C-alpha cells in the first residue's frame, strides 16, 4: 500500500479469508444479511477495531 492508497488492498480484500466473517467476504455477500456483515467489517477495519 503506497502512500495510503487503499485501492489495491480493497481490490484483494473480498477474495481473501476473513477470520471474523468465517468465509470469504465475496461469499458472505451472497448470503442473507451478508451485505450488512461485510459493511460492518469494513467499518471496523476503517476504525482499526477489528472485533
PDB file of N, CA and C in Angstrom:
ATOM      1  N   UNK A   1       0.865  -1.171   0.000  1.00  0.00           N
ATOM      2  CA  UNK A   1       0.000   0.000   0.000  1.00  0.00           C
ATOM      3  C   UNK A   1       0.909   1.230   0.000  1.00  0.00           C
ATOM      4  N   UNK A   2       0.883   1.940  -1.055  1.00  0.00           N
ATOM      5  CA  UNK A   2       1.752   3.100  -1.209  1.00  0.00           C
ATOM      6  C   UNK A   2       1.031   4.377  -0.819  1.00  0.00           C
ATOM      7  N   UNK A   3       1.602   5.106   0.101  1.00  0.00           N
ATOM      8  CA  UNK A   3       1.094   6.422   0.475  1.00  0.00           C
ATOM      9  C   UNK A   3      -0.396   6.442   0.806  1.00  0.00           C
ATOM     10  N   UNK A   4      -0.868   5.427   1.518  1.00  0.00           N
ATOM     11  CA  UNK A   4      -2.264   5.415   1.932  1.00  0.00           C
ATOM     12  C   UNK A   4      -3.253   5.067   0.841  1.00  0.00           C
ATOM     13  N   UNK A   5      -2.776   4.590  -0.301  1.00  0.00           N
ATOM     14  CA  UNK A   5      -3.671   4.204  -1.387  1.00  0.00           C
ATOM     15  C   UNK A   5      -4.292   2.850  -1.046  1.00  0.00           C
ATOM     16  N   UNK A   6      -5.568   2.841  -0.710  1.00  0.00           N
ATOM     17  CA  UNK A   6      -6.252   1.621  -0.300  1.00  0.00           C
ATOM     18  C   UNK A   6      -6.808   0.805  -1.456  1.00  0.00           C
ATOM     19  N   UNK A   7      -6.779   1.337  -2.663  1.00  0.00           N
ATOM     20  CA  UNK A   7      -7.378   0.651  -3.804  1.00  0.00           C
ATOM     21  C   UNK A   7      -6.831  -0.769  -4.006  1.00  0.00           C
ATOM     22  N   UNK A   8      -5.517  -0.984  -3.976  1.00  0.00           N
ATOM     23  CA  UNK A   8      -5.025  -2.360  -4.167  1.00  0.00           C
ATOM     24  C   UNK A   8      -5.492  -3.302  -3.051  1.00  0.00           C
ATOM     25  N   UNK A   9      -5.460  -2.834  -1.826  1.00  0.00           N
ATOM     26  CA  UNK A   9      -5.911  -3.653  -0.703  1.00  0.00           C
ATOM     27  C   UNK A   9      -7.402  -3.960  -0.818  1.00  0.00           C
ATOM     28  N   UNK A  10      -8.185  -2.959  -1.137  1.00  0.00           N
ATOM     29  CA  UNK A  10      -9.627  -3.140  -1.228  1.00  0.00           C
ATOM     30  C   UNK A  10      -9.999  -4.063  -2.386  1.00  0.00           C
ATOM     31  N   UNK A  11      -9.213  -4.071  -3.433  1.00  0.00           N
ATOM     32  CA  UNK A  11      -9.462  -4.973  -4.561  1.00  0.00           C
ATOM     33  C   UNK A  11      -9.206  -6.425  -4.171  1.00  0.00           C
ATOM     34  N   UNK A  12      -8.270  -6.669  -3.274  1.00  0.00           N
ATOM     35  CA  UNK A  12      -7.920  -8.021  -2.843  1.00  0.00           C
ATOM     36  C   UNK A  12      -8.761  -8.506  -1.667  1.00  0.00           C
ATOM     37  N   UNK A  13      -9.216  -7.624  -0.815  1.00  0.00           N
ATOM     38  CA  UNK A  13      -9.898  -7.999   0.422  1.00  0.00           C
ATOM     39  C   UNK A  13     -11.086  -8.929   0.218  1.00  0.00           C
ATOM     40  N   UNK A  14     -11.961  -8.707  -0.747  1.00  0.00           N
ATOM     41  CA  UNK A  14     -13.136  -9.582  -0.885  1.00  0.00           C
ATOM     42  C   UNK A  14     -12.810 -11.039  -1.209  1.00  0.00           C
ATOM     43  N   UNK A  15     -11.618 -11.310  -1.728  1.00  0.00           N
ATOM     44  CA  UNK A  15     -11.281 -12.676  -2.114  1.00  0.00           C
ATOM     45  C   UNK A  15     -10.249 -13.310  -1.186  1.00  0.00           C
ATOM     46  N   UNK A  16     -10.005 -12.683  -0.049  1.00  0.00           N
ATOM     47  CA  UNK A  16      -9.095 -13.216   0.953  1.00  0.00           C
ATOM     48  C   UNK A  16      -9.902 -13.686   2.165  1.00  0.00           C
ATOM     49  N   UNK A  17      -9.463 -14.754   2.841  1.00  0.00           N
ATOM     50  CA  UNK A  17     -10.192 -15.218   4.025  1.00  0.00           C
ATOM     51  C   UNK A  17     -10.316 -14.118   5.075  1.00  0.00           C
ATOM     52  N   UNK A  18     -11.498 -13.995   5.617  1.00  0.00           N
ATOM     53  CA  UNK A  18     -11.748 -13.021   6.686  1.00  0.00           C
ATOM     54  C   UNK A  18     -12.158 -13.801   7.923  1.00  0.00           C
ATOM     55  N   UNK A  19     -11.252 -13.903   8.880  1.00  0.00           N
ATOM     56  CA  UNK A  19     -11.480 -14.709  10.072  1.00  0.00           C
ATOM     57  C   UNK A  19     -12.785 -14.342  10.770  1.00  0.00           C
ATOM     58  N   UNK A  20     -13.048 -13.056  10.910  1.00  0.00           N
ATOM     59  CA  UNK A  20     -14.239 -12.630  11.644  1.00  0.00           C
ATOM     60  C   UNK A  20     -15.538 -12.925  10.900  1.00  0.00           C
ATOM     61  N   UNK A  21     -15.472 -13.048   9.577  1.00  0.00           N
ATOM     62  CA  UNK A  21     -16.663 -13.397   8.803  1.00  0.00           C
ATOM     63  C   UNK A  21     -16.822 -14.905   8.662  1.00  0.00           C
ATOM     64  N   UNK A  22     -15.733 -15.634   8.882  1.00  0.00           N
ATOM     65  CA  UNK A  22     -15.683 -17.096   8.755  1.00  0.00           C
ATOM     66  C   UNK A  22     -15.894 -17.586   7.316  1.00  0.00           C
ATOM     67  N   UNK A  23     -15.915 -16.691   6.371  1.00  0.00           N
ATOM     68  CA  UNK A  23     -15.990 -17.018   4.944  1.00  0.00           C
ATOM     69  C   UNK A  23     -15.272 -15.906   4.190  1.00  0.00           C
ATOM     70  N   UNK A  24     -15.082 -16.117   2.900  1.00  0.00           N
ATOM     71  CA  UNK A  24     -14.557 -15.026   2.080  1.00  0.00           C
ATOM     72  C   UNK A  24     -15.601 -13.921   2.045  1.00  0.00           C
ATOM     73  N   UNK A  25     -15.194 -12.671   2.121  1.00  0.00           N
ATOM     74  CA  UNK A  25     -16.175 -11.590   2.049  1.00  0.00           C
ATOM     75  C   UNK A  25     -17.066 -11.676   0.812  1.00  0.00           C
ATOM     76  N   UNK A  26     -16.501 -12.076  -0.323  1.00  0.00           N
ATOM     77  CA  UNK A  26     -17.294 -12.176  -1.548  1.00  0.00           C
ATOM     78  C   UNK A  26     -18.386 -13.233  -1.396  1.00  0.00           C
ATOM     79  N   UNK A  27     -18.098 -14.302  -0.652  1.00  0.00           N
ATOM     80  CA  UNK A  27     -19.097 -15.341  -0.406  1.00  0.00           C
ATOM     81  C   UNK A  27     -20.138 -14.871   0.607  1.00  0.00           C
ATOM     82  N   UNK A  28     -19.717 -14.075   1.569  1.00  0.00           N
ATOM     83  CA  UNK A  28     -20.654 -13.546   2.567  1.00  0.00           C
ATOM     84  C   UNK A  28     -21.720 -12.685   1.891  1.00  0.00           C
ATOM     85  N   UNK A  29     -21.333 -11.977   0.850  1.00  0.00           N
ATOM     86  CA  UNK A  29     -22.285 -11.105   0.153  1.00  0.00           C
ATOM     87  C   UNK A  29     -23.438 -11.874  -0.467  1.00  0.00           C
ATOM     88  N   UNK A  30     -23.206 -13.145  -0.787  1.00  0.00           N
ATOM     89  CA  UNK A  30     -24.240 -13.959  -1.414  1.00  0.00           C
ATOM     90  C   UNK A  30     -25.249 -14.504  -0.401  1.00  0.00           C
ATOM     91  N   UNK A  31     -24.963 -14.361   0.880  1.00  0.00           N
ATOM     92  CA  UNK A  31     -25.838 -14.887   1.916  1.00  0.00           C
ATOM     93  C   UNK A  31     -26.802 -13.825   2.419  1.00  0.00           C
ATOM     94  N   UNK A  32     -27.899 -14.277   2.977  1.00  0.00           N
ATOM     95  CA  UNK A  32     -28.864 -13.349   3.555  1.00  0.00           C
ATOM     96  C   UNK A  32     -28.188 -12.591   4.702  1.00  0.00           C
ATOM     97  N   UNK A  33     -28.277 -11.280   4.653  1.00  0.00           N
ATOM     98  CA  UNK A  33     -27.659 -10.437   5.664  1.00  0.00           C
ATOM     99  C   UNK A  33     -26.173 -10.226   5.460  1.00  0.00           C
ATOM    100  N   UNK A  34     -25.624 -10.794   4.398  1.00  0.00           N
ATOM    101  CA  UNK A  34     -24.191 -10.710   4.148  1.00  0.00           C
ATOM    102  C   UNK A  34     -23.688  -9.315   3.854  1.00  0.00           C
ATOM    103  N   UNK A  35     -24.475  -8.551   3.143  1.00  0.00           N
ATOM    104  CA  UNK A  35     -24.061  -7.182   2.829  1.00  0.00           C
ATOM    105  C   UNK A  35     -23.835  -6.387   4.111  1.00  0.00           C
ATOM    106  N   UNK A  36     -24.735  -6.531   5.053  1.00  0.00           N
ATOM    107  CA  UNK A  36     -24.606  -5.814   6.318  1.00  0.00           C
ATOM    108  C   UNK A  36     -23.375  -6.288   7.098  1.00  0.00           C
ATOM    109  N   UNK A  37     -23.107  -7.606   7.081  1.00  0.00           N
ATOM    110  CA  UNK A  37     -21.933  -8.129   7.779  1.00  0.00           C
ATOM    111  C   UNK A  37     -20.637  -7.588   7.182  1.00  0.00           C
ATOM    112  N   UNK A  38     -20.569  -7.583   5.863  1.00  0.00           N
ATOM    113  CA  UNK A  38     -19.380  -7.070   5.188  1.00  0.00           C
ATOM    114  C   UNK A  38     -19.229  -5.576   5.448  1.00  0.00           C
ATOM    115  N   UNK A  39     -20.323  -4.857   5.402  1.00  0.00           N
ATOM    116  CA  UNK A  39     -20.279  -3.423   5.683  1.00  0.00           C
ATOM    117  C   UNK A  39     -19.767  -3.168   7.099  1.00  0.00           C
ATOM    118  N   UNK A  40     -20.268  -3.907   8.069  1.00  0.00           N
ATOM    119  CA  UNK A  40     -19.827  -3.744   9.457  1.00  0.00           C
ATOM    120  C   UNK A  40     -18.345  -4.070   9.599  1.00  0.00           C
ATOM    121  N   UNK A  41     -17.895  -5.110   8.898  1.00  0.00           N
ATOM    122  CA  UNK A  41     -16.489  -5.487   8.960  1.00  0.00           C
ATOM    123  C   UNK A  41     -15.607  -4.375   8.397  1.00  0.00           C
ATOM    124  N   UNK A  42     -16.004  -3.805   7.281  1.00  0.00           N
ATOM    125  CA  UNK A  42     -15.209  -2.716   6.692  1.00  0.00           C
ATOM    126  C   UNK A  42     -15.203  -1.485   7.605  1.00  0.00           C
ATOM    127  N   UNK A  43     -16.290  -1.218   8.275  1.00  0.00           N
ATOM    128  CA  UNK A  43     -16.322  -0.098   9.221  1.00  0.00           C
ATOM    129  C   UNK A  43     -15.361  -0.367  10.372  1.00  0.00           C
ATOM    130  N   UNK A  44     -15.348  -1.591  10.873  1.00  0.00           N
ATOM    131  CA  UNK A  44     -14.404  -1.948  11.951  1.00  0.00           C
ATOM    132  C   UNK A  44     -12.959  -1.796  11.495  1.00  0.00           C
ATOM    133  N   UNK A  45     -12.682  -2.267  10.289  1.00  0.00           N
ATOM    134  CA  UNK A  45     -11.312  -2.161   9.760  1.00  0.00           C
ATOM    135  C   UNK A  45     -10.941  -0.682   9.637  1.00  0.00           C
ATOM    136  N   UNK A  46     -11.856   0.117   9.105  1.00  0.00           N
ATOM    137  CA  UNK A  46     -11.574   1.549   8.940  1.00  0.00           C
ATOM    138  C   UNK A  46     -11.322   2.225  10.278  1.00  0.00           C
ATOM    139  N   UNK A  47     -11.982   1.733  11.311  1.00  0.00           N
ATOM    140  CA  UNK A  47     -11.800   2.309  12.647  1.00  0.00           C
ATOM    141  C   UNK A  47     -10.631   1.653  13.383  1.00  0.00           C
ATOM    142  N   UNK A  48      -9.965   0.699  12.733  1.00  0.00           N
ATOM    143  CA  UNK A  48      -8.848  -0.038  13.336  1.00  0.00           C
ATOM    144  C   UNK A  48      -9.275  -0.775  14.596  1.00  0.00           C
ATOM    145  N   UNK A  49     -10.518  -1.248  14.595  1.00  0.00           N
ATOM    146  CA  UNK A  49     -11.039  -2.006  15.733  1.00  0.00           C
ATOM    147  C   UNK A  49     -11.693  -3.253  15.176  1.00  0.00           C
ATOM    148  N   UNK A  50     -10.887  -4.208  14.755  1.00  0.00           N
ATOM    149  CA  UNK A  50     -11.427  -5.445  14.216  1.00  0.00           C
ATOM    150  C   UNK A  50     -11.785  -6.344  15.381  1.00  0.00           C
ATOM    151  N   UNK A  51     -13.078  -6.624  15.503  1.00  0.00           N
ATOM    152  CA  UNK A  51     -13.529  -7.443  16.631  1.00  0.00           C
ATOM    153  C   UNK A  51     -13.803  -8.857  16.211  1.00  0.00           C
TER     154      UNK A  51
END
